Amino acid sequence: MSFGSGHTESDTLLFLANDRILFAGDLIVAQNHPNLTSGDPEHWLTVLDKIDDLRPERIATGHGPVGSAETVAEIRDYLATVLELARERTAPEIPTRFRSWAEPDQFSSNIAYVRLRQAAATPK
């Protein structure tokens, strides 16, 4: 199934309803900074809402250990935080709750990408 763009323009999911297992690819990563630079971070939040509606019990993540509903909540928090911090003029530091995650260099790339998207969406 697909709920539209998130991590990329062509994300797909596989959900085994009887077993409540979701194969999410990079839409859901566990304890990793996701790469936002090929997709639509704003719509990704909508995709996460639709994933919540499936009520998966286990999630095969794109990176990191097997996830759960808590992992979806963590990625939602990460995306919302990056979207908010990108609006600031200063170069934000990685929030404490994400500092132990793998791929920390991705954070600054994500901020830069979201800032470009925000600038492009701002009427001139």
PDB file of N, CA and C in Angstrom:
ATOM      1  N   MET A   1       0.836  -1.174   0.000  1.00  0.00           N
ATOM      2  CA  MET A   1       0.000   0.000   0.000  1.00  0.00           C
ATOM      3  C   MET A   1       0.880   1.237   0.000  1.00  0.00           C
ATOM      4  N   SER A   2       0.281   2.354  -0.368  1.00  0.00           N
ATOM      5  CA  SER A   2       0.994   3.629  -0.346  1.00  0.00           C
ATOM      6  C   SER A   2       0.051   4.697   0.189  1.00  0.00           C
ATOM      7  N   PHE A   3       0.591   5.604   0.976  1.00  0.00           N
ATOM      8  CA  PHE A   3      -0.169   6.738   1.508  1.00  0.00           C
ATOM      9  C   PHE A   3       0.381   8.053   0.977  1.00  0.00           C
ATOM     10  N   GLY A   4       1.134   7.984  -0.109  1.00  0.00           N
ATOM     11  CA  GLY A   4       1.728   9.190  -0.674  1.00  0.00           C
ATOM     12  C   GLY A   4       3.149   9.385  -0.176  1.00  0.00           C
ATOM     13  N   SER A   5       3.727  10.492  -0.591  1.00  0.00           N
ATOM     14  CA  SER A   5       5.139  10.731  -0.299  1.00  0.00           C
ATOM     15  C   SER A   5       5.379  11.015   1.178  1.00  0.00           C
ATOM     16  N   GLY A   6       6.532  10.612   1.604  1.00  0.00           N
ATOM     17  CA  GLY A   6       7.006  10.839   2.966  1.00  0.00           C
ATOM     18  C   GLY A   6       8.518  10.868   2.909  1.00  0.00           C
ATOM     19  N   HIS A   7       9.119   9.709   3.078  1.00  0.00           N
ATOM     20  CA  HIS A   7      10.576   9.595   2.968  1.00  0.00           C
ATOM     21  C   HIS A   7      11.023   9.856   1.532  1.00  0.00           C
ATOM     22  N   THR A   8      10.262   9.346   0.571  1.00  0.00           N
ATOM     23  CA  THR A   8      10.515   9.594  -0.849  1.00  0.00           C
ATOM     24  C   THR A   8       9.170   9.878  -1.515  1.00  0.00           C
ATOM     25  N   GLU A   9       9.202  10.127  -2.804  1.00  0.00           N
ATOM     26  CA  GLU A   9       7.958  10.364  -3.538  1.00  0.00           C
ATOM     27  C   GLU A   9       7.185   9.076  -3.794  1.00  0.00           C
ATOM     28  N   SER A  10       7.813   7.930  -3.577  1.00  0.00           N
ATOM     29  CA  SER A  10       7.168   6.662  -3.938  1.00  0.00           C
ATOM     30  C   SER A  10       7.258   5.621  -2.822  1.00  0.00           C
ATOM     31  N   ASP A  11       6.951   6.019  -1.606  1.00  0.00           N
ATOM     32  CA  ASP A  11       6.995   5.082  -0.480  1.00  0.00           C
ATOM     33  C   ASP A  11       5.885   4.044  -0.582  1.00  0.00           C
ATOM     34  N   THR A  12       6.225   2.823  -0.241  1.00  0.00           N
ATOM     35  CA  THR A  12       5.228   1.766  -0.168  1.00  0.00           C
ATOM     36  C   THR A  12       5.411   1.005   1.136  1.00  0.00           C
ATOM     37  N   LEU A  13       4.339   0.395   1.581  1.00  0.00           N
ATOM     38  CA  LEU A  13       4.320  -0.362   2.824  1.00  0.00           C
ATOM     39  C   LEU A  13       3.725  -1.732   2.552  1.00  0.00           C
ATOM     40  N   LEU A  14       4.081  -2.690   3.383  1.00  0.00           N
ATOM     41  CA  LEU A  14       3.457  -4.009   3.354  1.00  0.00           C
ATOM     42  C   LEU A  14       2.927  -4.267   4.754  1.00  0.00           C
ATOM     43  N   PHE A  15       1.647  -4.523   4.861  1.00  0.00           N
ATOM     44  CA  PHE A  15       1.027  -4.765   6.165  1.00  0.00           C
ATOM     45  C   PHE A  15       0.408  -6.145   6.189  1.00  0.00           C
ATOM     46  N   LEU A  16       0.845  -6.972   7.114  1.00  0.00           N
ATOM     47  CA  LEU A  16       0.284  -8.306   7.318  1.00  0.00           C
ATOM     48  C   LEU A  16      -0.754  -8.167   8.435  1.00  0.00           C
ATOM     49  N   ALA A  17      -1.984  -7.911   8.038  1.00  0.00           N
ATOM     50  CA  ALA A  17      -3.041  -7.562   8.990  1.00  0.00           C
ATOM     51  C   ALA A  17      -3.277  -8.637  10.046  1.00  0.00           C
ATOM     52  N   ASN A  18      -3.281  -9.902   9.653  1.00  0.00           N
ATOM     53  CA  ASN A  18      -3.542 -10.976  10.617  1.00  0.00           C
ATOM     54  C   ASN A  18      -2.475 -11.046  11.703  1.00  0.00           C
ATOM     55  N   ASP A  19      -1.252 -10.691  11.339  1.00  0.00           N
ATOM     56  CA  ASP A  19      -0.138 -10.752  12.292  1.00  0.00           C
ATOM     57  C   ASP A  19       0.195  -9.383  12.886  1.00  0.00           C
ATOM     58  N   ARG A  20      -0.454  -8.300  12.368  1.00  0.00           N
ATOM     59  CA  ARG A  20      -0.234  -6.923  12.837  1.00  0.00           C
ATOM     60  C   ARG A  20       1.225  -6.499  12.656  1.00  0.00           C
ATOM     61  N   ILE A  21       1.841  -6.964  11.560  1.00  0.00           N
ATOM     62  CA  ILE A  21       3.236  -6.639  11.254  1.00  0.00           C
ATOM     63  C   ILE A  21       3.262  -5.692  10.061  1.00  0.00           C
ATOM     64  N   LEU A  22       4.002  -4.610  10.198  1.00  0.00           N
ATOM     65  CA  LEU A  22       4.152  -3.623   9.128  1.00  0.00           C
ATOM     66  C   LEU A  22       5.603  -3.597   8.677  1.00  0.00           C
ATOM     67  N   PHE A  23       5.808  -3.727   7.380  1.00  0.00           N
ATOM     68  CA  PHE A  23       7.113  -3.532   6.776  1.00  0.00           C
ATOM     69  C   PHE A  23       7.104  -2.108   6.232  1.00  0.00           C
ATOM     70  N   ALA A  24       7.820  -1.222   6.910  1.00  0.00           N
ATOM     71  CA  ALA A  24       7.686   0.212   6.648  1.00  0.00           C
ATOM     72  C   ALA A  24       8.828   0.815   5.845  1.00  0.00           C
ATOM     73  N   GLY A  25       9.899   0.078   5.636  1.00  0.00           N
ATOM     74  CA  GLY A  25      11.041   0.690   4.958  1.00  0.00           C
ATOM     75  C   GLY A  25      11.506   1.915   5.732  1.00  0.00           C
ATOM     76  N   ASP A  26      12.024   2.890   5.018  1.00  0.00           N
ATOM     77  CA  ASP A  26      12.597   4.066   5.677  1.00  0.00           C
ATOM     78  C   ASP A  26      11.563   5.078   6.158  1.00  0.00           C
ATOM     79  N   LEU A  27      10.271   4.800   5.985  1.00  0.00           N
ATOM     80  CA  LEU A  27       9.267   5.667   6.596  1.00  0.00           C
ATOM     81  C   LEU A  27       9.355   5.612   8.119  1.00  0.00           C
ATOM     82  N   ILE A  28       9.781   4.464   8.620  1.00  0.00           N
ATOM     83  CA  ILE A  28       9.963   4.298  10.061  1.00  0.00           C
ATOM     84  C   ILE A  28      11.373   3.763  10.285  1.00  0.00           C
ATOM     85  N   VAL A  29      12.162   4.523  11.000  1.00  0.00           N
ATOM     86  CA  VAL A  29      13.489   4.081  11.411  1.00  0.00           C
ATOM     87  C   VAL A  29      13.522   4.143  12.933  1.00  0.00           C
ATOM     88  N   ALA A  30      14.302   3.291  13.535  1.00  0.00           N
ATOM     89  CA  ALA A  30      14.375   3.229  14.991  1.00  0.00           C
ATOM     90  C   ALA A  30      15.762   3.661  15.448  1.00  0.00           C
ATOM     91  N   GLN A  31      15.781   4.652  16.309  1.00  0.00           N
ATOM     92  CA  GLN A  31      17.030   5.135  16.907  1.00  0.00           C
ATOM     93  C   GLN A  31      18.022   5.603  15.846  1.00  0.00           C
ATOM     94  N   ASN A  32      17.493   6.146  14.742  1.00  0.00           N
ATOM     95  CA  ASN A  32      18.289   6.677  13.637  1.00  0.00           C
ATOM     96  C   ASN A  32      17.678   7.995  13.186  1.00  0.00           C
ATOM     97  N   HIS A  33      18.525   8.942  12.834  1.00  0.00           N
ATOM     98  CA  HIS A  33      18.036  10.162  12.207  1.00  0.00           C
ATOM     99  C   HIS A  33      17.598   9.787  10.795  1.00  0.00           C
ATOM    100  N   PRO A  34      16.316   9.983  10.453  1.00  0.00           N
ATOM    101  CA  PRO A  34      15.884   9.663   9.096  1.00  0.00           C
ATOM    102  C   PRO A  34      16.433  10.675   8.101  1.00  0.00           C
ATOM    103  N   ASN A  35      16.520  10.272   6.866  1.00  0.00           N
ATOM    104  CA  ASN A  35      16.929  11.178   5.795  1.00  0.00           C
ATOM    105  C   ASN A  35      15.672  11.810   5.215  1.00  0.00           C
ATOM    106  N   LEU A  36      15.539  13.124   5.367  1.00  0.00           N
ATOM    107  CA  LEU A  36      14.355  13.831   4.890  1.00  0.00           C
ATOM    108  C   LEU A  36      14.537  14.416   3.501  1.00  0.00           C
ATOM    109  N   THR A  37      15.723  14.316   2.922  1.00  0.00           N
ATOM    110  CA  THR A  37      16.078  15.122   1.753  1.00  0.00           C
ATOM    111  C   THR A  37      15.568  14.609   0.405  1.00  0.00           C
ATOM    112  N   SER A  38      14.771  13.568   0.401  1.00  0.00           N
ATOM    113  CA  SER A  38      14.231  13.055  -0.867  1.00  0.00           C
ATOM    114  C   SER A  38      12.712  12.998  -0.857  1.00  0.00           C
ATOM    115  N   GLY A  39      12.104  13.541   0.159  1.00  0.00           N
ATOM    116  CA  GLY A  39      10.668  13.367   0.268  1.00  0.00           C
ATOM    117  C   GLY A  39       9.940  14.628   0.681  1.00  0.00           C
ATOM    118  N   ASP A  40       8.858  14.415   1.388  1.00  0.00           N
ATOM    119  CA  ASP A  40       7.952  15.474   1.794  1.00  0.00           C
ATOM    120  C   ASP A  40       7.723  15.359   3.302  1.00  0.00           C
ATOM    121  N   PRO A  41       8.578  16.009   4.096  1.00  0.00           N
ATOM    122  CA  PRO A  41       8.473  15.860   5.556  1.00  0.00           C
ATOM    123  C   PRO A  41       7.121  16.273   6.125  1.00  0.00           C
ATOM    124  N   GLU A  42       6.496  17.277   5.523  1.00  0.00           N
ATOM    125  CA  GLU A  42       5.193  17.718   6.020  1.00  0.00           C
ATOM    126  C   GLU A  42       4.136  16.629   5.816  1.00  0.00           C
ATOM    127  N   HIS A  43       4.109  16.050   4.621  1.00  0.00           N
ATOM    128  CA  HIS A  43       3.130  14.996   4.351  1.00  0.00           C
ATOM    129  C   HIS A  43       3.488  13.700   5.069  1.00  0.00           C
ATOM    130  N   TRP A  44       4.746  13.518   5.383  1.00  0.00           N
ATOM    131  CA  TRP A  44       5.188  12.334   6.117  1.00  0.00           C
ATOM    132  C   TRP A  44       4.395  12.214   7.412  1.00  0.00           C
ATOM    133  N   LEU A  45       4.089  13.346   8.049  1.00  0.00           N
ATOM    134  CA  LEU A  45       3.296  13.322   9.276  1.00  0.00           C
ATOM    135  C   LEU A  45       1.909  12.719   9.014  1.00  0.00           C
ATOM    136  N   THR A  46       1.320  13.024   7.881  1.00  0.00           N
ATOM    137  CA  THR A  46       0.025  12.446   7.500  1.00  0.00           C
ATOM    138  C   THR A  46       0.162  10.944   7.280  1.00  0.00           C
ATOM    139  N   VAL A  47       1.243  10.539   6.649  1.00  0.00           N
ATOM    140  CA  VAL A  47       1.506   9.114   6.434  1.00  0.00           C
ATOM    141  C   VAL A  47       1.596   8.393   7.781  1.00  0.00           C
ATOM    142  N   LEU A  48       2.249   9.011   8.750  1.00  0.00           N
ATOM    143  CA  LEU A  48       2.370   8.396  10.076  1.00  0.00           C
ATOM    144  C   LEU A  48       0.998   8.248  10.741  1.00  0.00           C
ATOM    145  N   ASP A  49       0.108   9.212  10.533  1.00  0.00           N
ATOM    146  CA  ASP A  49      -1.255   9.085  11.062  1.00  0.00           C
ATOM    147  C   ASP A  49      -1.945   7.857  10.469  1.00  0.00           C
ATOM    148  N   LYS A  50      -1.756   7.647   9.182  1.00  0.00           N
ATOM    149  CA  LYS A  50      -2.384   6.499   8.513  1.00  0.00           C
ATOM    150  C   LYS A  50      -1.757   5.183   8.987  1.00  0.00           C
ATOM    151  N   ILE A  51      -0.458   5.215   9.272  1.00  0.00           N
ATOM    152  CA  ILE A  51       0.197   4.030   9.840  1.00  0.00           C
ATOM    153  C   ILE A  51      -0.375   3.742  11.221  1.00  0.00           C
ATOM    154  N   ASP A  52      -0.570   4.776  12.025  1.00  0.00           N
ATOM    155  CA  ASP A  52      -1.192   4.586  13.344  1.00  0.00           C
ATOM    156  C   ASP A  52      -2.556   3.925  13.217  1.00  0.00           C
ATOM    157  N   ASP A  53      -3.324   4.332  12.206  1.00  0.00           N
ATOM    158  CA  ASP A  53      -4.664   3.766  11.999  1.00  0.00           C
ATOM    159  C   ASP A  53      -4.632   2.258  11.758  1.00  0.00           C
ATOM    160  N   LEU A  54      -3.515   1.756  11.227  1.00  0.00           N
ATOM    161  CA  LEU A  54      -3.371   0.313  11.001  1.00  0.00           C
ATOM    162  C   LEU A  54      -3.173  -0.454  12.310  1.00  0.00           C
ATOM    163  N   ARG A  55      -2.703   0.227  13.325  1.00  0.00           N
ATOM    164  CA  ARG A  55      -2.407  -0.346  14.637  1.00  0.00           C
ATOM    165  C   ARG A  55      -1.437  -1.532  14.570  1.00  0.00           C
ATOM    166  N   PRO A  56      -0.287  -1.327  13.914  1.00  0.00           N
ATOM    167  CA  PRO A  56       0.676  -2.432  13.881  1.00  0.00           C
ATOM    168  C   PRO A  56       1.254  -2.693  15.265  1.00  0.00           C
ATOM    169  N   GLU A  57       1.526  -3.945  15.532  1.00  0.00           N
ATOM    170  CA  GLU A  57       2.152  -4.304  16.809  1.00  0.00           C
ATOM    171  C   GLU A  57       3.672  -4.379  16.679  1.00  0.00           C
ATOM    172  N   ARG A  58       4.108  -4.788  15.507  1.00  0.00           N
ATOM    173  CA  ARG A  58       5.547  -4.840  15.230  1.00  0.00           C
ATOM    174  C   ARG A  58       5.786  -4.179  13.890  1.00  0.00           C
ATOM    175  N   ILE A  59       6.907  -3.461  13.813  1.00  0.00           N
ATOM    176  CA  ILE A  59       7.245  -2.749  12.581  1.00  0.00           C
ATOM    177  C   ILE A  59       8.666  -3.111  12.172  1.00  0.00           C
ATOM    178  N   ALA A  60       8.786  -3.651  10.961  1.00  0.00           N
ATOM    179  CA  ALA A  60      10.109  -3.877  10.379  1.00  0.00           C
ATOM    180  C   ALA A  60      10.557  -2.513   9.854  1.00  0.00           C
ATOM    181  N   THR A  61      11.515  -1.924  10.540  1.00  0.00           N
ATOM    182  CA  THR A  61      11.973  -0.577  10.214  1.00  0.00           C
ATOM    183  C   THR A  61      13.004  -0.601   9.096  1.00  0.00           C
ATOM    184  N   GLY A  62      13.218   0.561   8.501  1.00  0.00           N
ATOM    185  CA  GLY A  62      14.239   0.671   7.467  1.00  0.00           C
ATOM    186  C   GLY A  62      15.647   0.629   8.034  1.00  0.00           C
ATOM    187  N   HIS A  63      15.794   1.106   9.265  1.00  0.00           N
ATOM    188  CA  HIS A  63      17.081   1.098   9.974  1.00  0.00           C
ATOM    189  C   HIS A  63      16.787   0.921  11.448  1.00  0.00           C
ATOM    190  N   GLY A  64      17.632   0.179  12.122  1.00  0.00           N
ATOM    191  CA  GLY A  64      17.473  -0.016  13.554  1.00  0.00           C
ATOM    192  C   GLY A  64      16.665  -1.257  13.885  1.00  0.00           C
ATOM    193  N   PRO A  65      16.395  -1.426  15.177  1.00  0.00           N
ATOM    194  CA  PRO A  65      15.684  -2.628  15.625  1.00  0.00           C
ATOM    195  C   PRO A  65      14.210  -2.606  15.233  1.00  0.00           C
ATOM    196  N   VAL A  66      13.549  -3.731  15.433  1.00  0.00           N
ATOM    197  CA  VAL A  66      12.116  -3.839  15.196  1.00  0.00           C
ATOM    198  C   VAL A  66      11.421  -2.786  16.046  1.00  0.00           C
ATOM    199  N   GLY A  67      10.434  -2.132  15.432  1.00  0.00           N
ATOM    200  CA  GLY A  67       9.754  -1.047  16.109  1.00  0.00           C
ATOM    201  C   GLY A  67       8.338  -1.399  16.535  1.00  0.00           C
ATOM    202  N   SER A  68       7.684  -0.379  17.125  1.00  0.00           N
ATOM    203  CA  SER A  68       6.317  -0.511  17.628  1.00  0.00           C
ATOM    204  C   SER A  68       5.623   0.836  17.443  1.00  0.00           C
ATOM    205  N   ALA A  69       4.447   0.961  18.025  1.00  0.00           N
ATOM    206  CA  ALA A  69       3.734   2.244  17.978  1.00  0.00           C
ATOM    207  C   ALA A  69       4.582   3.353  18.584  1.00  0.00           C
ATOM    208  N   GLU A  70       5.378   3.034  19.566  1.00  0.00           N
ATOM    209  CA  GLU A  70       6.268   4.022  20.188  1.00  0.00           C
ATOM    210  C   GLU A  70       7.288   4.549  19.173  1.00  0.00           C
ATOM    211  N   THR A  71       7.752   3.686  18.289  1.00  0.00           N
ATOM    212  CA  THR A  71       8.712   4.099  17.263  1.00  0.00           C
ATOM    213  C   THR A  71       8.068   5.090  16.304  1.00  0.00           C
ATOM    214  N   VAL A  72       6.808   4.865  15.955  1.00  0.00           N
ATOM    215  CA  VAL A  72       6.078   5.804  15.092  1.00  0.00           C
ATOM    216  C   VAL A  72       5.987   7.158  15.794  1.00  0.00           C
ATOM    217  N   ALA A  73       5.683   7.155  17.075  1.00  0.00           N
ATOM    218  CA  ALA A  73       5.584   8.395  17.850  1.00  0.00           C
ATOM    219  C   ALA A  73       6.928   9.121  17.895  1.00  0.00           C
ATOM    220  N   GLU A  74       8.019   8.380  17.998  1.00  0.00           N
ATOM    221  CA  GLU A  74       9.348   8.995  18.033  1.00  0.00           C
ATOM    222  C   GLU A  74       9.681   9.667  16.701  1.00  0.00           C
ATOM    223  N   ILE A  75       9.346   9.017  15.587  1.00  0.00           N
ATOM    224  CA  ILE A  75       9.606   9.617  14.275  1.00  0.00           C
ATOM    225  C   ILE A  75       8.710  10.833  14.066  1.00  0.00           C
ATOM    226  N   ARG A  76       7.475  10.755  14.519  1.00  0.00           N
ATOM    227  CA  ARG A  76       6.577  11.916  14.428  1.00  0.00           C
ATOM    228  C   ARG A  76       7.176  13.096  15.214  1.00  0.00           C
ATOM    229  N   ASP A  77       7.666  12.824  16.403  1.00  0.00           N
ATOM    230  CA  ASP A  77       8.290  13.867  17.222  1.00  0.00           C
ATOM    231  C   ASP A  77       9.510  14.441  16.516  1.00  0.00           C
ATOM    232  N   TYR A  78      10.319  13.576  15.924  1.00  0.00           N
ATOM    233  CA  TYR A  78      11.513  14.031  15.206  1.00  0.00           C
ATOM    234  C   TYR A  78      11.127  14.952  14.055  1.00  0.00           C
ATOM    235  N   LEU A  79      10.174  14.524  13.228  1.00  0.00           N
ATOM    236  CA  LEU A  79       9.765  15.331  12.078  1.00  0.00           C
ATOM    237  C   LEU A  79       9.202  16.674  12.528  1.00  0.00           C
ATOM    238  N   ALA A  80       8.312  16.669  13.500  1.00  0.00           N
ATOM    239  CA  ALA A  80       7.726  17.915  13.991  1.00  0.00           C
ATOM    240  C   ALA A  80       8.803  18.837  14.555  1.00  0.00           C
ATOM    241  N   THR A  81       9.781  18.264  15.229  1.00  0.00           N
ATOM    242  CA  THR A  81      10.867  19.059  15.807  1.00  0.00           C
ATOM    243  C   THR A  81      11.721  19.688  14.709  1.00  0.00           C
ATOM    244  N   VAL A  82      12.090  18.909  13.703  1.00  0.00           N
ATOM    245  CA  VAL A  82      12.901  19.446  12.606  1.00  0.00           C
ATOM    246  C   VAL A  82      12.127  20.539  11.869  1.00  0.00           C
ATOM    247  N   LEU A  83      10.855  20.326  11.606  1.00  0.00           N
ATOM    248  CA  LEU A  83      10.046  21.342  10.924  1.00  0.00           C
ATOM    249  C   LEU A  83      10.004  22.635  11.743  1.00  0.00           C
ATOM    250  N   GLU A  84       9.895  22.508  13.032  1.00  0.00           N
ATOM    251  CA  GLU A  84       9.856  23.691  13.903  1.00  0.00           C
ATOM    252  C   GLU A  84      11.220  24.377  13.983  1.00  0.00           C
ATOM    253  N   LEU A  85      12.277  23.601  14.207  1.00  0.00           N
ATOM    254  CA  LEU A  85      13.615  24.185  14.352  1.00  0.00           C
ATOM    255  C   LEU A  85      14.106  24.825  13.063  1.00  0.00           C
ATOM    256  N   ALA A  86      13.657  24.332  11.929  1.00  0.00           N
ATOM    257  CA  ALA A  86      14.088  24.891  10.642  1.00  0.00           C
ATOM    258  C   ALA A  86      13.592  26.327  10.464  1.00  0.00           C
ATOM    259  N   ARG A  87      12.566  26.699  11.186  1.00  0.00           N
ATOM    260  CA  ARG A  87      12.038  28.069  11.096  1.00  0.00           C
ATOM    261  C   ARG A  87      12.913  29.078  11.842  1.00  0.00           C
ATOM    262  N   GLU A  88      13.760  28.589  12.728  1.00  0.00           N
ATOM    263  CA  GLU A  88      14.642  29.478  13.490  1.00  0.00           C
ATOM    264  C   GLU A  88      15.789  29.946  12.607  1.00  0.00           C
ATOM    265  N   ARG A  89      16.308  31.109  12.916  1.00  0.00           N
ATOM    266  CA  ARG A  89      17.408  31.665  12.113  1.00  0.00           C
ATOM    267  C   ARG A  89      18.762  31.093  12.492  1.00  0.00           C
ATOM    268  N   THR A  90      18.897  30.624  13.697  1.00  0.00           N
ATOM    269  CA  THR A  90      20.174  30.093  14.148  1.00  0.00           C
ATOM    270  C   THR A  90      20.322  28.634  13.714  1.00  0.00           C
ATOM    271  N   ALA A  91      21.534  28.145  13.777  1.00  0.00           N
ATOM    272  CA  ALA A  91      21.798  26.740  13.470  1.00  0.00           C
ATOM    273  C   ALA A  91      21.482  25.930  14.730  1.00  0.00           C
ATOM    274  N   PRO A  92      20.405  25.164  14.705  1.00  0.00           N
ATOM    275  CA  PRO A  92      20.011  24.437  15.919  1.00  0.00           C
ATOM    276  C   PRO A  92      20.927  23.254  16.193  1.00  0.00           C
ATOM    277  N   GLU A  93      21.042  22.964  17.472  1.00  0.00           N
ATOM    278  CA  GLU A  93      21.752  21.756  17.889  1.00  0.00           C
ATOM    279  C   GLU A  93      20.761  20.598  17.902  1.00  0.00           C
ATOM    280  N   ILE A  94      21.287  19.402  17.844  1.00  0.00           N
ATOM    281  CA  ILE A  94      20.436  18.217  17.937  1.00  0.00           C
ATOM    282  C   ILE A  94      19.814  18.201  19.337  1.00  0.00           C
ATOM    283  N   PRO A  95      18.498  18.139  19.422  1.00  0.00           N
ATOM    284  CA  PRO A  95      17.862  18.044  20.740  1.00  0.00           C
ATOM    285  C   PRO A  95      18.372  16.822  21.508  1.00  0.00           C
ATOM    286  N   THR A  96      18.452  16.954  22.794  1.00  0.00           N
ATOM    287  CA  THR A  96      19.011  15.911  23.654  1.00  0.00           C
ATOM    288  C   THR A  96      18.401  14.542  23.389  1.00  0.00           C
ATOM    289  N   ARG A  97      17.094  14.490  23.195  1.00  0.00           N
ATOM    290  CA  ARG A  97      16.426  13.193  23.046  1.00  0.00           C
ATOM    291  C   ARG A  97      16.809  12.461  21.763  1.00  0.00           C
ATOM    292  N   PHE A  98      17.448  13.159  20.809  1.00  0.00           N
ATOM    293  CA  PHE A  98      17.863  12.530  19.556  1.00  0.00           C
ATOM    294  C   PHE A  98      19.387  12.363  19.450  1.00  0.00           C
ATOM    295  N   ARG A  99      20.120  12.789  20.437  1.00  0.00           N
ATOM    296  CA  ARG A  99      21.594  12.779  20.340  1.00  0.00           C
ATOM    297  C   ARG A  99      22.199  11.391  20.317  1.00  0.00           C
ATOM    298  N   SER A 100      21.540  10.414  20.884  1.00  0.00           N
ATOM    299  CA  SER A 100      22.107   9.058  20.904  1.00  0.00           C
ATOM    300  C   SER A 100      21.754   8.272  19.635  1.00  0.00           C
ATOM    301  N   TRP A 101      20.937   8.840  18.776  1.00  0.00           N
ATOM    302  CA  TRP A 101      20.523   8.138  17.563  1.00  0.00           C
ATOM    303  C   TRP A 101      21.674   8.052  16.564  1.00  0.00           C
ATOM    304  N   ALA A 102      21.667   7.000  15.765  1.00  0.00           N
ATOM    305  CA  ALA A 102      22.667   6.818  14.713  1.00  0.00           C
ATOM    306  C   ALA A 102      22.472   7.862  13.615  1.00  0.00           C
ATOM    307  N   GLU A 103      23.511   8.094  12.865  1.00  0.00           N
ATOM    308  CA  GLU A 103      23.514   9.037  11.738  1.00  0.00           C
ATOM    309  C   GLU A 103      23.251  10.488  12.164  1.00  0.00           C
ATOM    310  N   PRO A 104      23.941  10.986  13.197  1.00  0.00           N
ATOM    311  CA  PRO A 104      23.674  12.345  13.668  1.00  0.00           C
ATOM    312  C   PRO A 104      23.988  13.430  12.636  1.00  0.00           C
ATOM    313  N   ASP A 105      24.884  13.155  11.685  1.00  0.00           N
ATOM    314  CA  ASP A 105      25.184  14.153  10.651  1.00  0.00           C
ATOM    315  C   ASP A 105      23.965  14.448   9.785  1.00  0.00           C
ATOM    316  N   GLN A 106      23.015  13.548   9.777  1.00  0.00           N
ATOM    317  CA  GLN A 106      21.812  13.735   8.980  1.00  0.00           C
ATOM    318  C   GLN A 106      20.976  14.909   9.487  1.00  0.00           C
ATOM    319  N   PHE A 107      21.085  15.231  10.768  1.00  0.00           N
ATOM    320  CA  PHE A 107      20.262  16.288  11.358  1.00  0.00           C
ATOM    321  C   PHE A 107      20.458  17.628  10.644  1.00  0.00           C
ATOM    322  N   SER A 108      21.705  18.044  10.449  1.00  0.00           N
ATOM    323  CA  SER A 108      21.948  19.339   9.802  1.00  0.00           C
ATOM    324  C   SER A 108      21.495  19.317   8.344  1.00  0.00           C
ATOM    325  N   SER A 109      21.641  18.197   7.662  1.00  0.00           N
ATOM    326  CA  SER A 109      21.138  18.077   6.279  1.00  0.00           C
ATOM    327  C   SER A 109      19.620  18.195   6.249  1.00  0.00           C
ATOM    328  N   ASN A 110      18.970  17.602   7.235  1.00  0.00           N
ATOM    329  CA  ASN A 110      17.514  17.675   7.305  1.00  0.00           C
ATOM    330  C   ASN A 110      17.042  19.110   7.540  1.00  0.00           C
ATOM    331  N   ILE A 111      17.716  19.820   8.434  1.00  0.00           N
ATOM    332  CA  ILE A 111      17.362  21.221   8.705  1.00  0.00           C
ATOM    333  C   ILE A 111      17.526  22.044   7.428  1.00  0.00           C
ATOM    334  N   ALA A 112      18.648  21.869   6.740  1.00  0.00           N
ATOM    335  CA  ALA A 112      18.912  22.640   5.518  1.00  0.00           C
ATOM    336  C   ALA A 112      17.861  22.341   4.450  1.00  0.00           C
ATOM    337  N   TYR A 113      17.499  21.093   4.287  1.00  0.00           N
ATOM    338  CA  TYR A 113      16.500  20.705   3.286  1.00  0.00           C
ATOM    339  C   TYR A 113      15.138  21.315   3.608  1.00  0.00           C
ATOM    340  N   VAL A 114      14.729  21.228   4.849  1.00  0.00           N
ATOM    341  CA  VAL A 114      13.428  21.780   5.234  1.00  0.00           C
ATOM    342  C   VAL A 114      13.428  23.293   5.056  1.00  0.00           C
ATOM    343  N   ARG A 115      14.531  23.944   5.359  1.00  0.00           N
ATOM    344  CA  ARG A 115      14.605  25.397   5.151  1.00  0.00           C
ATOM    345  C   ARG A 115      14.446  25.749   3.671  1.00  0.00           C
ATOM    346  N   LEU A 116      15.048  24.971   2.801  1.00  0.00           N
ATOM    347  CA  LEU A 116      14.878  25.219   1.356  1.00  0.00           C
ATOM    348  C   LEU A 116      13.421  25.042   0.951  1.00  0.00           C
ATOM    349  N   ARG A 117      12.776  24.008   1.448  1.00  0.00           N
ATOM    350  CA  ARG A 117      11.358  23.776   1.134  1.00  0.00           C
ATOM    351  C   ARG A 117      10.493  24.919   1.658  1.00  0.00           C
ATOM    352  N   GLN A 118      10.794  25.358   2.883  1.00  0.00           N
ATOM    353  CA  GLN A 118      10.018  26.452   3.464  1.00  0.00           C
ATOM    354  C   GLN A 118      10.215  27.751   2.671  1.00  0.00           C
ATOM    355  N   ALA A 119      11.448  28.016   2.251  1.00  0.00           N
ATOM    356  CA  ALA A 119      11.720  29.219   1.472  1.00  0.00           C
ATOM    357  C   ALA A 119      11.000  29.176   0.120  1.00  0.00           C
ATOM    358  N   ALA A 120      10.980  28.016  -0.510  1.00  0.00           N
ATOM    359  CA  ALA A 120      10.315  27.859  -1.796  1.00  0.00           C
ATOM    360  C   ALA A 120       8.795  28.028  -1.672  1.00  0.00           C
ATOM    361  N   ALA A 121       8.255  27.686  -0.517  1.00  0.00           N
ATOM    362  CA  ALA A 121       6.805  27.771  -0.309  1.00  0.00           C
ATOM    363  C   ALA A 121       6.362  29.165   0.125  1.00  0.00           C
ATOM    364  N   THR A 122       7.305  30.005   0.510  1.00  0.00           N
ATOM    365  CA  THR A 122       6.975  31.344   0.978  1.00  0.00           C
ATOM    366  C   THR A 122       6.694  32.243  -0.218  1.00  0.00           C
ATOM    367  N   PRO A 123       5.512  32.896  -0.248  1.00  0.00           N
ATOM    368  CA  PRO A 123       5.207  33.805  -1.361  1.00  0.00           C
ATOM    369  C   PRO A 123       6.213  34.956  -1.414  1.00  0.00           C
ATOM    370  N   LYS A 124       6.588  35.337  -2.604  1.00  0.00           N
ATOM    371  CA  LYS A 124       7.560  36.420  -2.784  1.00  0.00           C
ATOM    372  C   LYS A 124       6.870  37.739  -2.941  1.00  0.00           C
TER     373      LYS A 124
END
